[in-house]
Amino acid sequence: MTNPFPSSYEEPKKYYVYAHIDRRSNGGDIIYIGHGCGGRAWLSTVPFRDEAHADKLKEFEDRGETPDEWVKILKKRLTKQEACEYERSQIKLKKPAFNKIQGASLLKVTPELLEEAFQLREKGLSYSAIAEELALATMTIHRAMNGKSPALEEVLERRN
Protein backbone atom coordinates (compact mmCIF):
# COMPACT_ATOMS: atom_id res chain seq x y z
CA MET A 1 0.00 0.00 0.00
CA THR A 2 1.32 3.46 -0.88
CA ASN A 3 1.40 6.23 1.65
CA PRO A 4 -1.68 8.47 1.14
CA PHE A 5 0.20 11.29 2.89
CA PRO A 6 3.49 11.74 1.07
CA SER A 7 6.17 13.65 2.94
CA SER A 8 6.64 16.13 0.14
CA TYR A 9 3.69 17.90 -1.35
CA GLU A 10 4.19 20.01 -4.43
CA GLU A 11 1.63 22.75 -4.84
CA PRO A 12 0.13 22.86 -8.31
CA LYS A 13 1.44 25.65 -10.51
CA LYS A 14 -1.97 26.76 -11.78
CA TYR A 15 -1.74 30.49 -10.98
CA TYR A 16 -0.82 33.41 -13.19
CA VAL A 17 -0.25 37.15 -12.85
CA TYR A 18 -2.16 39.38 -15.24
CA ALA A 19 -2.52 43.03 -16.16
CA HIS A 20 -5.46 45.07 -17.38
CA ILE A 21 -4.25 47.50 -20.03
CA ASP A 22 -5.79 50.70 -21.34
CA ARG A 23 -4.76 50.43 -24.98
CA ARG A 24 -5.79 53.99 -25.81
CA SER A 25 -3.46 55.62 -23.31
CA ASN A 26 0.23 56.30 -23.92
CA GLY A 27 0.85 53.08 -25.77
CA GLY A 28 -1.04 50.90 -23.32
CA ASP A 29 -0.87 51.88 -19.66
CA ILE A 30 -1.24 49.10 -17.13
CA ILE A 31 -4.21 50.08 -14.97
CA TYR A 32 -4.41 46.96 -12.79
CA ILE A 33 -2.26 43.95 -11.87
CA GLY A 34 -3.68 40.86 -10.21
CA HIS A 35 -3.18 37.15 -9.80
CA GLY A 36 -5.56 34.28 -10.23
CA CYS A 37 -6.32 30.97 -11.83
CA GLY A 38 -9.01 29.85 -14.24
CA GLY A 39 -10.88 32.81 -15.72
CA ARG A 40 -10.15 35.38 -12.98
CA ALA A 41 -8.33 37.84 -15.27
CA TRP A 42 -11.33 38.14 -17.60
CA LEU A 43 -13.97 38.89 -14.94
CA SER A 44 -14.91 42.51 -15.32
CA THR A 45 -17.90 43.27 -13.11
CA VAL A 46 -18.74 43.96 -9.49
CA PRO A 47 -18.33 41.95 -7.18
CA PHE A 48 -15.15 40.70 -8.89
CA ARG A 49 -13.83 44.26 -9.29
CA ASP A 50 -14.41 47.40 -7.29
CA GLU A 51 -16.89 49.81 -8.83
CA ALA A 52 -14.40 52.24 -10.39
CA HIS A 53 -12.36 49.41 -11.94
CA ALA A 54 -15.51 47.70 -13.27
CA ASP A 55 -16.67 51.03 -14.77
CA LYS A 56 -13.33 51.41 -16.57
CA LEU A 57 -13.55 47.88 -18.00
CA LYS A 58 -17.16 48.59 -19.08
CA GLU A 59 -15.83 51.67 -20.87
CA PHE A 60 -13.40 49.39 -22.79
CA GLU A 61 -16.28 47.08 -23.71
CA ASP A 62 -18.47 50.04 -24.77
CA ARG A 63 -15.79 51.14 -27.22
CA GLY A 64 -15.83 47.66 -28.77
CA GLU A 65 -12.89 46.00 -27.05
CA THR A 66 -13.10 42.42 -25.85
CA PRO A 67 -11.31 41.15 -22.74
CA ASP A 68 -8.61 39.44 -24.81
CA GLU A 69 -7.57 42.96 -25.90
CA TRP A 70 -7.23 44.43 -22.40
CA VAL A 71 -6.02 41.36 -20.46
CA LYS A 72 -2.34 40.48 -20.68
CA ILE A 73 -0.86 37.48 -18.87
CA LEU A 74 2.46 38.62 -17.40
CA LYS A 75 3.63 35.31 -15.96
CA LYS A 76 2.07 31.84 -15.69
CA ARG A 77 2.58 28.37 -14.21
CA LEU A 78 3.10 29.72 -10.69
CA THR A 79 2.20 28.49 -7.21
CA LYS A 80 -0.15 30.74 -5.24
CA GLN A 81 2.81 32.10 -3.24
CA GLU A 82 4.91 32.74 -6.36
CA ALA A 83 1.96 34.52 -7.98
CA CYS A 84 1.39 36.72 -4.92
CA GLU A 85 5.07 37.66 -4.71
CA TYR A 86 5.34 38.46 -8.41
CA GLU A 87 2.06 40.41 -8.35
CA ARG A 88 3.29 42.49 -5.42
CA SER A 89 6.62 43.23 -7.11
CA GLN A 90 4.88 44.32 -10.30
CA ILE A 91 2.38 46.53 -8.45
CA LYS A 92 5.28 48.15 -6.61
CA LEU A 93 7.13 48.69 -9.90
CA LYS A 94 4.23 49.81 -12.15
CA LYS A 95 1.89 51.49 -9.61
CA PRO A 96 -1.35 50.78 -11.54
CA ALA A 97 -4.24 53.18 -10.99
CA PHE A 98 -6.75 50.59 -9.77
CA ASN A 99 -4.52 48.66 -7.37
CA LYS A 100 -5.10 49.62 -3.77
CA ILE A 101 -2.50 49.43 -1.05
CA GLN A 102 -3.11 45.92 0.28
CA GLY A 103 -4.37 45.86 3.84
CA ALA A 104 -4.66 49.65 4.01
CA SER A 105 -8.35 49.48 4.91
CA LEU A 106 -7.43 47.53 8.06
CA LEU A 107 -4.87 50.05 9.28
CA LYS A 108 -5.34 52.62 11.98
CA VAL A 109 -2.78 54.77 10.17
CA THR A 110 -3.96 55.67 6.69
CA PRO A 111 -1.48 56.83 4.04
CA GLU A 112 -2.80 60.36 4.59
CA LEU A 113 -2.25 60.17 8.35
CA LEU A 114 1.24 58.80 7.81
CA GLU A 115 2.08 61.71 5.54
CA GLU A 116 0.75 64.11 8.18
CA ALA A 117 2.85 62.30 10.82
CA PHE A 118 6.01 62.83 8.75
CA GLN A 119 5.18 66.52 8.36
CA LEU A 120 4.76 66.84 12.13
CA ARG A 121 8.05 65.00 12.67
CA GLU A 122 9.80 67.42 10.30
CA LYS A 123 8.49 70.24 12.55
CA GLY A 124 10.32 68.59 15.45
CA LEU A 125 7.47 66.83 17.25
CA SER A 126 8.21 63.61 19.14
CA TYR A 127 6.45 60.34 18.37
CA SER A 128 4.28 60.77 21.47
CA ALA A 129 3.35 64.34 20.50
CA ILE A 130 2.49 63.17 16.96
CA ALA A 131 0.42 60.31 18.38
CA GLU A 132 -1.48 62.71 20.63
CA GLU A 133 -2.06 65.12 17.74
CA LEU A 134 -3.41 62.30 15.53
CA ALA A 135 -5.31 60.53 18.35
CA LEU A 136 -3.33 57.29 17.95
CA ALA A 137 -1.05 55.21 20.17
CA THR A 138 2.61 56.23 20.21
CA MET A 139 3.71 52.70 19.25
CA THR A 140 1.29 52.71 16.29
CA ILE A 141 2.86 55.91 14.96
CA HIS A 142 6.39 54.65 15.62
CA ARG A 143 5.76 51.36 13.76
CA ALA A 144 4.13 53.10 10.79
CA MET A 145 6.88 55.72 10.46
CA ASN A 146 9.65 53.12 10.72
CA GLY A 147 8.42 50.72 8.08
CA LYS A 148 6.82 48.13 10.34
CA SER A 149 3.50 48.35 8.45
CA PRO A 150 3.99 46.61 5.07
CA ALA A 151 0.75 48.06 3.72
CA LEU A 152 2.28 51.54 4.04
CA GLU A 153 5.47 50.73 2.09
CA GLU A 154 4.32 52.76 -0.90
CA VAL A 155 4.03 55.93 1.21
CA LEU A 156 7.45 55.35 2.77
CA GLU A 157 9.02 54.79 -0.67
CA ARG A 158 7.57 58.03 -2.02
CA ARG A 159 9.24 59.91 0.83
CA ASN A 160 12.71 58.52 -0.04
C-alpha atoms as a PDB file:
ATOM      1  CA  MET A   1       0.000   0.000   0.000  1.00  0.00           C
ATOM      2  CA  THR A   2       1.317   3.458  -0.882  1.00  0.00           C
ATOM      3  CA  ASN A   3       1.395   6.229   1.649  1.00  0.00           C
ATOM      4  CA  PRO A   4      -1.682   8.474   1.142  1.00  0.00           C
ATOM      5  CA  PHE A   5       0.200  11.293   2.894  1.00  0.00           C
ATOM      6  CA  PRO A   6       3.491  11.744   1.069  1.00  0.00           C
ATOM      7  CA  SER A   7       6.169  13.652   2.943  1.00  0.00           C
ATOM      8  CA  SER A   8       6.644  16.134   0.139  1.00  0.00           C
ATOM      9  CA  TYR A   9       3.687  17.899  -1.354  1.00  0.00           C
ATOM     10  CA  GLU A  10       4.188  20.011  -4.426  1.00  0.00           C
ATOM     11  CA  GLU A  11       1.627  22.752  -4.843  1.00  0.00           C
ATOM     12  CA  PRO A  12       0.130  22.856  -8.315  1.00  0.00           C
ATOM     13  CA  LYS A  13       1.437  25.652 -10.513  1.00  0.00           C
ATOM     14  CA  LYS A  14      -1.969  26.756 -11.781  1.00  0.00           C
ATOM     15  CA  TYR A  15      -1.741  30.493 -10.979  1.00  0.00           C
ATOM     16  CA  TYR A  16      -0.816  33.413 -13.190  1.00  0.00           C
ATOM     17  CA  VAL A  17      -0.252  37.154 -12.852  1.00  0.00           C
ATOM     18  CA  TYR A  18      -2.162  39.381 -15.240  1.00  0.00           C
ATOM     19  CA  ALA A  19      -2.524  43.035 -16.161  1.00  0.00           C
ATOM     20  CA  HIS A  20      -5.459  45.073 -17.384  1.00  0.00           C
ATOM     21  CA  ILE A  21      -4.255  47.496 -20.026  1.00  0.00           C
ATOM     22  CA  ASP A  22      -5.792  50.705 -21.340  1.00  0.00           C
ATOM     23  CA  ARG A  23      -4.759  50.430 -24.980  1.00  0.00           C
ATOM     24  CA  ARG A  24      -5.788  53.990 -25.813  1.00  0.00           C
ATOM     25  CA  SER A  25      -3.461  55.623 -23.315  1.00  0.00           C
ATOM     26  CA  ASN A  26       0.231  56.303 -23.917  1.00  0.00           C
ATOM     27  CA  GLY A  27       0.850  53.081 -25.775  1.00  0.00           C
ATOM     28  CA  GLY A  28      -1.038  50.900 -23.324  1.00  0.00           C
ATOM     29  CA  ASP A  29      -0.866  51.877 -19.662  1.00  0.00           C
ATOM     30  CA  ILE A  30      -1.238  49.100 -17.127  1.00  0.00           C
ATOM     31  CA  ILE A  31      -4.214  50.084 -14.971  1.00  0.00           C
ATOM     32  CA  TYR A  32      -4.410  46.960 -12.790  1.00  0.00           C
ATOM     33  CA  ILE A  33      -2.258  43.952 -11.867  1.00  0.00           C
ATOM     34  CA  GLY A  34      -3.685  40.861 -10.212  1.00  0.00           C
ATOM     35  CA  HIS A  35      -3.177  37.148  -9.798  1.00  0.00           C
ATOM     36  CA  GLY A  36      -5.561  34.277 -10.227  1.00  0.00           C
ATOM     37  CA  CYS A  37      -6.321  30.966 -11.835  1.00  0.00           C
ATOM     38  CA  GLY A  38      -9.007  29.849 -14.238  1.00  0.00           C
ATOM     39  CA  GLY A  39     -10.881  32.806 -15.722  1.00  0.00           C
ATOM     40  CA  ARG A  40     -10.150  35.378 -12.982  1.00  0.00           C
ATOM     41  CA  ALA A  41      -8.330  37.835 -15.269  1.00  0.00           C
ATOM     42  CA  TRP A  42     -11.327  38.137 -17.596  1.00  0.00           C
ATOM     43  CA  LEU A  43     -13.968  38.887 -14.942  1.00  0.00           C
ATOM     44  CA  SER A  44     -14.913  42.514 -15.316  1.00  0.00           C
ATOM     45  CA  THR A  45     -17.904  43.272 -13.115  1.00  0.00           C
ATOM     46  CA  VAL A  46     -18.736  43.957  -9.486  1.00  0.00           C
ATOM     47  CA  PRO A  47     -18.332  41.946  -7.180  1.00  0.00           C
ATOM     48  CA  PHE A  48     -15.150  40.697  -8.885  1.00  0.00           C
ATOM     49  CA  ARG A  49     -13.830  44.260  -9.292  1.00  0.00           C
ATOM     50  CA  ASP A  50     -14.413  47.401  -7.287  1.00  0.00           C
ATOM     51  CA  GLU A  51     -16.893  49.807  -8.827  1.00  0.00           C
ATOM     52  CA  ALA A  52     -14.396  52.242 -10.389  1.00  0.00           C
ATOM     53  CA  HIS A  53     -12.355  49.415 -11.938  1.00  0.00           C
ATOM     54  CA  ALA A  54     -15.512  47.698 -13.265  1.00  0.00           C
ATOM     55  CA  ASP A  55     -16.670  51.025 -14.770  1.00  0.00           C
ATOM     56  CA  LYS A  56     -13.333  51.409 -16.568  1.00  0.00           C
ATOM     57  CA  LEU A  57     -13.548  47.880 -17.996  1.00  0.00           C
ATOM     58  CA  LYS A  58     -17.159  48.588 -19.083  1.00  0.00           C
ATOM     59  CA  GLU A  59     -15.825  51.673 -20.872  1.00  0.00           C
ATOM     60  CA  PHE A  60     -13.400  49.392 -22.789  1.00  0.00           C
ATOM     61  CA  GLU A  61     -16.282  47.076 -23.708  1.00  0.00           C
ATOM     62  CA  ASP A  62     -18.467  50.035 -24.769  1.00  0.00           C
ATOM     63  CA  ARG A  63     -15.793  51.138 -27.222  1.00  0.00           C
ATOM     64  CA  GLY A  64     -15.830  47.663 -28.774  1.00  0.00           C
ATOM     65  CA  GLU A  65     -12.890  46.000 -27.049  1.00  0.00           C
ATOM     66  CA  THR A  66     -13.096  42.424 -25.854  1.00  0.00           C
ATOM     67  CA  PRO A  67     -11.312  41.155 -22.736  1.00  0.00           C
ATOM     68  CA  ASP A  68      -8.612  39.441 -24.814  1.00  0.00           C
ATOM     69  CA  GLU A  69      -7.572  42.962 -25.897  1.00  0.00           C
ATOM     70  CA  TRP A  70      -7.228  44.430 -22.400  1.00  0.00           C
ATOM     71  CA  VAL A  71      -6.021  41.358 -20.463  1.00  0.00           C
ATOM     72  CA  LYS A  72      -2.338  40.484 -20.679  1.00  0.00           C
ATOM     73  CA  ILE A  73      -0.856  37.483 -18.866  1.00  0.00           C
ATOM     74  CA  LEU A  74       2.460  38.618 -17.397  1.00  0.00           C
ATOM     75  CA  LYS A  75       3.635  35.307 -15.956  1.00  0.00           C
ATOM     76  CA  LYS A  76       2.074  31.838 -15.689  1.00  0.00           C
ATOM     77  CA  ARG A  77       2.576  28.368 -14.207  1.00  0.00           C
ATOM     78  CA  LEU A  78       3.104  29.715 -10.688  1.00  0.00           C
ATOM     79  CA  THR A  79       2.201  28.490  -7.211  1.00  0.00           C
ATOM     80  CA  LYS A  80      -0.149  30.740  -5.240  1.00  0.00           C
ATOM     81  CA  GLN A  81       2.810  32.096  -3.241  1.00  0.00           C
ATOM     82  CA  GLU A  82       4.911  32.739  -6.360  1.00  0.00           C
ATOM     83  CA  ALA A  83       1.956  34.523  -7.979  1.00  0.00           C
ATOM     84  CA  CYS A  84       1.394  36.720  -4.917  1.00  0.00           C
ATOM     85  CA  GLU A  85       5.073  37.660  -4.713  1.00  0.00           C
ATOM     86  CA  TYR A  86       5.338  38.456  -8.414  1.00  0.00           C
ATOM     87  CA  GLU A  87       2.059  40.409  -8.348  1.00  0.00           C
ATOM     88  CA  ARG A  88       3.287  42.488  -5.415  1.00  0.00           C
ATOM     89  CA  SER A  89       6.620  43.228  -7.106  1.00  0.00           C
ATOM     90  CA  GLN A  90       4.879  44.323 -10.304  1.00  0.00           C
ATOM     91  CA  ILE A  91       2.380  46.533  -8.446  1.00  0.00           C
ATOM     92  CA  LYS A  92       5.283  48.152  -6.613  1.00  0.00           C
ATOM     93  CA  LEU A  93       7.127  48.692  -9.904  1.00  0.00           C
ATOM     94  CA  LYS A  94       4.235  49.809 -12.148  1.00  0.00           C
ATOM     95  CA  LYS A  95       1.892  51.489  -9.609  1.00  0.00           C
ATOM     96  CA  PRO A  96      -1.348  50.778 -11.542  1.00  0.00           C
ATOM     97  CA  ALA A  97      -4.244  53.182 -10.993  1.00  0.00           C
ATOM     98  CA  PHE A  98      -6.753  50.588  -9.772  1.00  0.00           C
ATOM     99  CA  ASN A  99      -4.520  48.664  -7.365  1.00  0.00           C
ATOM    100  CA  LYS A 100      -5.096  49.618  -3.771  1.00  0.00           C
ATOM    101  CA  ILE A 101      -2.495  49.426  -1.052  1.00  0.00           C
ATOM    102  CA  GLN A 102      -3.112  45.917   0.285  1.00  0.00           C
ATOM    103  CA  GLY A 103      -4.374  45.859   3.836  1.00  0.00           C
ATOM    104  CA  ALA A 104      -4.656  49.650   4.006  1.00  0.00           C
ATOM    105  CA  SER A 105      -8.346  49.484   4.914  1.00  0.00           C
ATOM    106  CA  LEU A 106      -7.428  47.534   8.061  1.00  0.00           C
ATOM    107  CA  LEU A 107      -4.866  50.050   9.276  1.00  0.00           C
ATOM    108  CA  LYS A 108      -5.341  52.624  11.975  1.00  0.00           C
ATOM    109  CA  VAL A 109      -2.775  54.774  10.175  1.00  0.00           C
ATOM    110  CA  THR A 110      -3.956  55.672   6.691  1.00  0.00           C
ATOM    111  CA  PRO A 111      -1.484  56.825   4.039  1.00  0.00           C
ATOM    112  CA  GLU A 112      -2.800  60.362   4.585  1.00  0.00           C
ATOM    113  CA  LEU A 113      -2.252  60.171   8.346  1.00  0.00           C
ATOM    114  CA  LEU A 114       1.240  58.804   7.812  1.00  0.00           C
ATOM    115  CA  GLU A 115       2.076  61.707   5.536  1.00  0.00           C
ATOM    116  CA  GLU A 116       0.752  64.106   8.184  1.00  0.00           C
ATOM    117  CA  ALA A 117       2.855  62.305  10.822  1.00  0.00           C
ATOM    118  CA  PHE A 118       6.009  62.834   8.752  1.00  0.00           C
ATOM    119  CA  GLN A 119       5.177  66.524   8.361  1.00  0.00           C
ATOM    120  CA  LEU A 120       4.762  66.844  12.129  1.00  0.00           C
ATOM    121  CA  ARG A 121       8.054  64.998  12.670  1.00  0.00           C
ATOM    122  CA  GLU A 122       9.801  67.422  10.302  1.00  0.00           C
ATOM    123  CA  LYS A 123       8.486  70.236  12.550  1.00  0.00           C
ATOM    124  CA  GLY A 124      10.319  68.587  15.450  1.00  0.00           C
ATOM    125  CA  LEU A 125       7.466  66.828  17.247  1.00  0.00           C
ATOM    126  CA  SER A 126       8.215  63.608  19.139  1.00  0.00           C
ATOM    127  CA  TYR A 127       6.448  60.342  18.374  1.00  0.00           C
ATOM    128  CA  SER A 128       4.285  60.768  21.475  1.00  0.00           C
ATOM    129  CA  ALA A 129       3.351  64.335  20.500  1.00  0.00           C
ATOM    130  CA  ILE A 130       2.493  63.170  16.957  1.00  0.00           C
ATOM    131  CA  ALA A 131       0.422  60.310  18.376  1.00  0.00           C
ATOM    132  CA  GLU A 132      -1.480  62.710  20.630  1.00  0.00           C
ATOM    133  CA  GLU A 133      -2.057  65.123  17.742  1.00  0.00           C
ATOM    134  CA  LEU A 134      -3.411  62.301  15.528  1.00  0.00           C
ATOM    135  CA  ALA A 135      -5.307  60.526  18.352  1.00  0.00           C
ATOM    136  CA  LEU A 136      -3.332  57.288  17.953  1.00  0.00           C
ATOM    137  CA  ALA A 137      -1.054  55.212  20.171  1.00  0.00           C
ATOM    138  CA  THR A 138       2.612  56.227  20.211  1.00  0.00           C
ATOM    139  CA  MET A 139       3.714  52.703  19.246  1.00  0.00           C
ATOM    140  CA  THR A 140       1.290  52.711  16.288  1.00  0.00           C
ATOM    141  CA  ILE A 141       2.861  55.911  14.964  1.00  0.00           C
ATOM    142  CA  HIS A 142       6.389  54.646  15.623  1.00  0.00           C
ATOM    143  CA  ARG A 143       5.760  51.364  13.756  1.00  0.00           C
ATOM    144  CA  ALA A 144       4.134  53.102  10.792  1.00  0.00           C
ATOM    145  CA  MET A 145       6.883  55.717  10.455  1.00  0.00           C
ATOM    146  CA  ASN A 146       9.655  53.124  10.718  1.00  0.00           C
ATOM    147  CA  GLY A 147       8.421  50.716   8.081  1.00  0.00           C
ATOM    148  CA  LYS A 148       6.820  48.127  10.340  1.00  0.00           C
ATOM    149  CA  SER A 149       3.503  48.350   8.455  1.00  0.00           C
ATOM    150  CA  PRO A 150       3.985  46.614   5.069  1.00  0.00           C
ATOM    151  CA  ALA A 151       0.747  48.060   3.723  1.00  0.00           C
ATOM    152  CA  LEU A 152       2.277  51.540   4.040  1.00  0.00           C
ATOM    153  CA  GLU A 153       5.466  50.732   2.093  1.00  0.00           C
ATOM    154  CA  GLU A 154       4.319  52.763  -0.899  1.00  0.00           C
ATOM    155  CA  VAL A 155       4.028  55.931   1.214  1.00  0.00           C
ATOM    156  CA  LEU A 156       7.450  55.346   2.765  1.00  0.00           C
ATOM    157  CA  GLU A 157       9.022  54.791  -0.666  1.00  0.00           C
ATOM    158  CA  ARG A 158       7.572  58.031  -2.023  1.00  0.00           C
ATOM    159  CA  ARG A 159       9.241  59.914   0.827  1.00  0.00           C
ATOM    160  CA  ASN A 160      12.707  58.520  -0.038  1.00  0.00           C
END
